[in-house]
Every structure is written in structure tokens, then in C-alpha cells.
Amino acid sequence: MLWPIVVYFVVVLALVAAMLGLSWVLGERHRGRATGATYEGGIVSAGTARVRFPAQFYLLAMFFVVFDLETVFILTWAVDGAELGWAGYATVVVFGAVLGASLAYLAGIGALDFHRLSRPPPADHHR
């Protein structure tokens, strides 16, 4: 019963190889002045893409992803809420309490404080 998966895998690999081969054979090979230039939807690039972001930016992005996934779990529960009964309701209440406690903890330690991002470094900061 494993042969359909093997056939599918071989067909996919053959299709990928054919597309890559055709694009290499039929693709244009020119090195004009603007070929390697960055193109942002018709807007001329202003500066480099290597901009340094503060660590708080990435921390906030991780918080967003975590809380966004929690929303997906709660919405999934809401779809089957009637079938789950009181046990399911109690579970989502505990889940929401843990989620609220974690949000309160993050706010308490200042992880969601946006004003810290705009402060200048201390006076004794050396580069």
C-alpha cells in the first residue's frame, strides 16, 4: 500500500526537475546595469535592507505569534463548544486564565512597554 506515495513522490520530483530544467534552458541570460538592482514595486530603494531592529521588536513579534495561535485554539473550541459541554467550557476558562496571567506577567516585566524602545542609551555606553 506504499506504492501510491512513492509514485506521487517520483512524479513531484520529475515535475520539479522539468520546471527547473526548462527555466534554465529557456531563461534569459543578460547582465544589464539594472539586473541586480533591488525592485520594490516601482519605488526606488532608499538605503540598505540590513537595518538593525531592537531585540524588543522580535520579542513583540513572538508574543504576537503566540497570542495569535491561542486565538486559533479558542476559535476552534468555539466551533465545538456545544458538543464539549461544561468540561470543555471549564477547560477554555482555565486556558483563558493562563493566557490572561501570561499577558499580565509580560506587561508586569515591561516586555510590552513601547516607550523603552525610544530611550537613548545610558551615558556610560561605549561602542
C-alpha atoms as a PDB file:
ATOM      1  CA  MET A   1       0.000   0.000   0.000  1.00  0.00           C
ATOM      2  CA  LEU A   2       3.064   2.271  -0.059  1.00  0.00           C
ATOM      3  CA  TRP A   3       3.365   2.423  -3.851  1.00  0.00           C
ATOM      4  CA  PRO A   4       0.910   5.364  -4.400  1.00  0.00           C
ATOM      5  CA  ILE A   5       3.028   7.562  -2.149  1.00  0.00           C
ATOM      6  CA  VAL A   6       6.205   6.505  -3.948  1.00  0.00           C
ATOM      7  CA  VAL A   7       4.620   7.196  -7.352  1.00  0.00           C
ATOM      8  CA  TYR A   8       3.397  10.608  -6.145  1.00  0.00           C
ATOM      9  CA  PHE A   9       6.866  11.431  -4.797  1.00  0.00           C
ATOM     10  CA  VAL A  10       8.529  10.423  -8.082  1.00  0.00           C
ATOM     11  CA  VAL A  11       6.017  12.432 -10.147  1.00  0.00           C
ATOM     12  CA  VAL A  12       6.559  15.511  -7.962  1.00  0.00           C
ATOM     13  CA  LEU A  13      10.340  15.212  -8.247  1.00  0.00           C
ATOM     14  CA  ALA A  14      10.088  14.769 -12.030  1.00  0.00           C
ATOM     15  CA  LEU A  15       7.815  17.812 -12.322  1.00  0.00           C
ATOM     16  CA  VAL A  16      10.150  19.962 -10.223  1.00  0.00           C
ATOM     17  CA  ALA A  17      13.163  18.796 -12.236  1.00  0.00           C
ATOM     18  CA  ALA A  18      11.328  19.547 -15.506  1.00  0.00           C
ATOM     19  CA  MET A  19      10.353  23.059 -14.379  1.00  0.00           C
ATOM     20  CA  LEU A  20      13.860  23.872 -13.175  1.00  0.00           C
ATOM     21  CA  GLY A  21      15.415  22.430 -16.325  1.00  0.00           C
ATOM     22  CA  LEU A  22      13.074  24.328 -18.642  1.00  0.00           C
ATOM     23  CA  SER A  23      13.596  27.600 -16.814  1.00  0.00           C
ATOM     24  CA  TRP A  24      17.369  27.130 -17.070  1.00  0.00           C
ATOM     25  CA  VAL A  25      17.213  26.303 -20.788  1.00  0.00           C
ATOM     26  CA  LEU A  26      14.620  28.902 -21.788  1.00  0.00           C
ATOM     27  CA  GLY A  27      15.562  31.641 -19.309  1.00  0.00           C
ATOM     28  CA  GLU A  28      17.215  34.871 -20.364  1.00  0.00           C
ATOM     29  CA  ARG A  29      20.908  35.340 -19.672  1.00  0.00           C
ATOM     30  CA  HIS A  30      21.695  39.018 -19.671  1.00  0.00           C
ATOM     31  CA  ARG A  31      23.543  41.144 -17.186  1.00  0.00           C
ATOM     32  CA  GLY A  32      22.248  44.615 -17.686  1.00  0.00           C
ATOM     33  CA  ARG A  33      23.016  47.547 -15.430  1.00  0.00           C
ATOM     34  CA  ALA A  34      19.723  47.229 -13.518  1.00  0.00           C
ATOM     35  CA  THR A  35      19.522  43.415 -13.476  1.00  0.00           C
ATOM     36  CA  GLY A  36      20.805  43.021  -9.935  1.00  0.00           C
ATOM     37  CA  ALA A  37      19.171  46.165  -8.553  1.00  0.00           C
ATOM     38  CA  THR A  38      16.510  45.892  -5.889  1.00  0.00           C
ATOM     39  CA  TYR A  39      12.967  46.479  -7.143  1.00  0.00           C
ATOM     40  CA  GLU A  40      10.247  47.335  -4.633  1.00  0.00           C
ATOM     41  CA  GLY A  41       7.072  47.692  -6.635  1.00  0.00           C
ATOM     42  CA  GLY A  42       8.274  50.621  -8.706  1.00  0.00           C
ATOM     43  CA  ILE A  43       9.694  52.543  -5.758  1.00  0.00           C
ATOM     44  CA  VAL A  44      13.371  53.389  -5.789  1.00  0.00           C
ATOM     45  CA  SER A  45      15.148  51.745  -2.853  1.00  0.00           C
ATOM     46  CA  ALA A  46      16.196  54.092  -0.081  1.00  0.00           C
ATOM     47  CA  GLY A  47      19.074  52.632   1.864  1.00  0.00           C
ATOM     48  CA  THR A  48      20.080  49.109   2.665  1.00  0.00           C
ATOM     49  CA  ALA A  49      17.955  46.169   3.738  1.00  0.00           C
ATOM     50  CA  ARG A  50      20.315  45.497   6.622  1.00  0.00           C
ATOM     51  CA  VAL A  51      18.507  47.644   9.164  1.00  0.00           C
ATOM     52  CA  ARG A  52      19.111  46.769  12.801  1.00  0.00           C
ATOM     53  CA  PHE A  53      15.979  46.248  14.850  1.00  0.00           C
ATOM     54  CA  PRO A  54      15.992  46.242  18.632  1.00  0.00           C
ATOM     55  CA  ALA A  55      15.558  42.904  20.409  1.00  0.00           C
ATOM     56  CA  GLN A  56      12.205  44.084  21.793  1.00  0.00           C
ATOM     57  CA  PHE A  57      10.843  44.100  18.242  1.00  0.00           C
ATOM     58  CA  TYR A  58      11.487  40.371  17.863  1.00  0.00           C
ATOM     59  CA  LEU A  59      10.143  39.686  21.348  1.00  0.00           C
ATOM     60  CA  LEU A  60       6.942  41.535  20.494  1.00  0.00           C
ATOM     61  CA  ALA A  61       6.689  39.606  17.209  1.00  0.00           C
ATOM     62  CA  MET A  62       6.978  36.317  19.132  1.00  0.00           C
ATOM     63  CA  PHE A  63       4.270  37.459  21.567  1.00  0.00           C
ATOM     64  CA  PHE A  64       2.022  38.265  18.622  1.00  0.00           C
ATOM     65  CA  VAL A  65       2.521  34.813  17.101  1.00  0.00           C
ATOM     66  CA  VAL A  66       1.885  33.079  20.439  1.00  0.00           C
ATOM     67  CA  PHE A  67      -1.295  35.027  21.184  1.00  0.00           C
ATOM     68  CA  ASP A  68      -2.462  34.657  17.594  1.00  0.00           C
ATOM     69  CA  LEU A  69      -2.161  30.878  17.889  1.00  0.00           C
ATOM     70  CA  GLU A  70      -4.034  30.998  21.180  1.00  0.00           C
ATOM     71  CA  THR A  71      -6.856  32.774  19.360  1.00  0.00           C
ATOM     72  CA  VAL A  72      -6.964  29.948  16.827  1.00  0.00           C
ATOM     73  CA  PHE A  73      -7.291  27.423  19.663  1.00  0.00           C
ATOM     74  CA  ILE A  74     -10.112  29.401  21.278  1.00  0.00           C
ATOM     75  CA  LEU A  75     -11.961  29.762  17.967  1.00  0.00           C
ATOM     76  CA  THR A  76     -11.586  26.031  17.387  1.00  0.00           C
ATOM     77  CA  TRP A  77     -13.113  25.415  20.808  1.00  0.00           C
ATOM     78  CA  ALA A  78     -15.956  27.822  19.976  1.00  0.00           C
ATOM     79  CA  VAL A  79     -16.895  25.769  16.912  1.00  0.00           C
ATOM     80  CA  ASP A  80     -17.336  22.614  19.010  1.00  0.00           C
ATOM     81  CA  GLY A  81     -18.382  24.363  22.220  1.00  0.00           C
ATOM     82  CA  ALA A  82     -21.885  22.899  22.310  1.00  0.00           C
ATOM     83  CA  GLU A  83     -20.607  19.336  21.934  1.00  0.00           C
ATOM     84  CA  LEU A  84     -17.906  19.726  24.593  1.00  0.00           C
ATOM     85  CA  GLY A  85     -20.305  20.715  27.356  1.00  0.00           C
ATOM     86  CA  TRP A  86     -19.309  22.043  30.762  1.00  0.00           C
ATOM     87  CA  ALA A  87     -15.987  20.197  30.796  1.00  0.00           C
ATOM     88  CA  GLY A  88     -14.980  21.946  27.574  1.00  0.00           C
ATOM     89  CA  TYR A  89     -16.176  25.264  28.977  1.00  0.00           C
ATOM     90  CA  ALA A  90     -14.119  24.787  32.134  1.00  0.00           C
ATOM     91  CA  THR A  91     -11.088  23.889  30.018  1.00  0.00           C
ATOM     92  CA  VAL A  92     -11.333  27.036  27.914  1.00  0.00           C
ATOM     93  CA  VAL A  93     -11.847  29.159  31.042  1.00  0.00           C
ATOM     94  CA  VAL A  94      -8.637  27.737  32.553  1.00  0.00           C
ATOM     95  CA  PHE A  95      -6.897  28.240  29.210  1.00  0.00           C
ATOM     96  CA  GLY A  96      -8.076  31.869  29.107  1.00  0.00           C
ATOM     97  CA  ALA A  97      -6.961  32.416  32.699  1.00  0.00           C
ATOM     98  CA  VAL A  98      -3.473  31.125  31.901  1.00  0.00           C
ATOM     99  CA  LEU A  99      -3.414  33.302  28.790  1.00  0.00           C
ATOM    100  CA  GLY A 100      -4.511  36.348  30.794  1.00  0.00           C
ATOM    101  CA  ALA A 101      -1.949  35.618  33.517  1.00  0.00           C
ATOM    102  CA  SER A 102       0.819  35.363  30.950  1.00  0.00           C
ATOM    103  CA  LEU A 103      -0.243  38.655  29.375  1.00  0.00           C
ATOM    104  CA  ALA A 104      -0.290  40.291  32.829  1.00  0.00           C
ATOM    105  CA  TYR A 105       3.179  38.880  33.513  1.00  0.00           C
ATOM    106  CA  LEU A 106       4.522  40.266  30.221  1.00  0.00           C
ATOM    107  CA  ALA A 107       3.039  43.667  30.974  1.00  0.00           C
ATOM    108  CA  GLY A 108       4.444  43.488  34.513  1.00  0.00           C
ATOM    109  CA  ILE A 109       8.026  42.865  33.431  1.00  0.00           C
ATOM    110  CA  GLY A 110       7.790  45.649  30.844  1.00  0.00           C
ATOM    111  CA  ALA A 111       8.003  43.432  27.768  1.00  0.00           C
ATOM    112  CA  LEU A 112       5.128  45.348  26.177  1.00  0.00           C
ATOM    113  CA  ASP A 113       6.460  48.796  27.096  1.00  0.00           C
ATOM    114  CA  PHE A 114       6.930  50.650  23.823  1.00  0.00           C
ATOM    115  CA  HIS A 115       8.391  53.754  25.451  1.00  0.00           C
ATOM    116  CA  ARG A 116      11.551  51.853  26.411  1.00  0.00           C
ATOM    117  CA  LEU A 117      12.373  51.456  22.724  1.00  0.00           C
ATOM    118  CA  SER A 118      12.774  55.195  22.194  1.00  0.00           C
ATOM    119  CA  ARG A 119      15.031  55.894  25.184  1.00  0.00           C
ATOM    120  CA  PRO A 120      18.618  56.879  24.441  1.00  0.00           C
ATOM    121  CA  PRO A 121      21.375  54.573  25.743  1.00  0.00           C
ATOM    122  CA  PRO A 122      22.901  55.332  29.148  1.00  0.00           C
ATOM    123  CA  ALA A 123      25.677  57.948  29.323  1.00  0.00           C
ATOM    124  CA  ASP A 124      28.391  55.355  30.088  1.00  0.00           C
ATOM    125  CA  HIS A 125      27.506  53.318  26.988  1.00  0.00           C
ATOM    126  CA  HIS A 126      30.692  52.627  24.985  1.00  0.00           C
ATOM    127  CA  ARG A 127      30.901  51.347  21.429  1.00  0.00           C
END
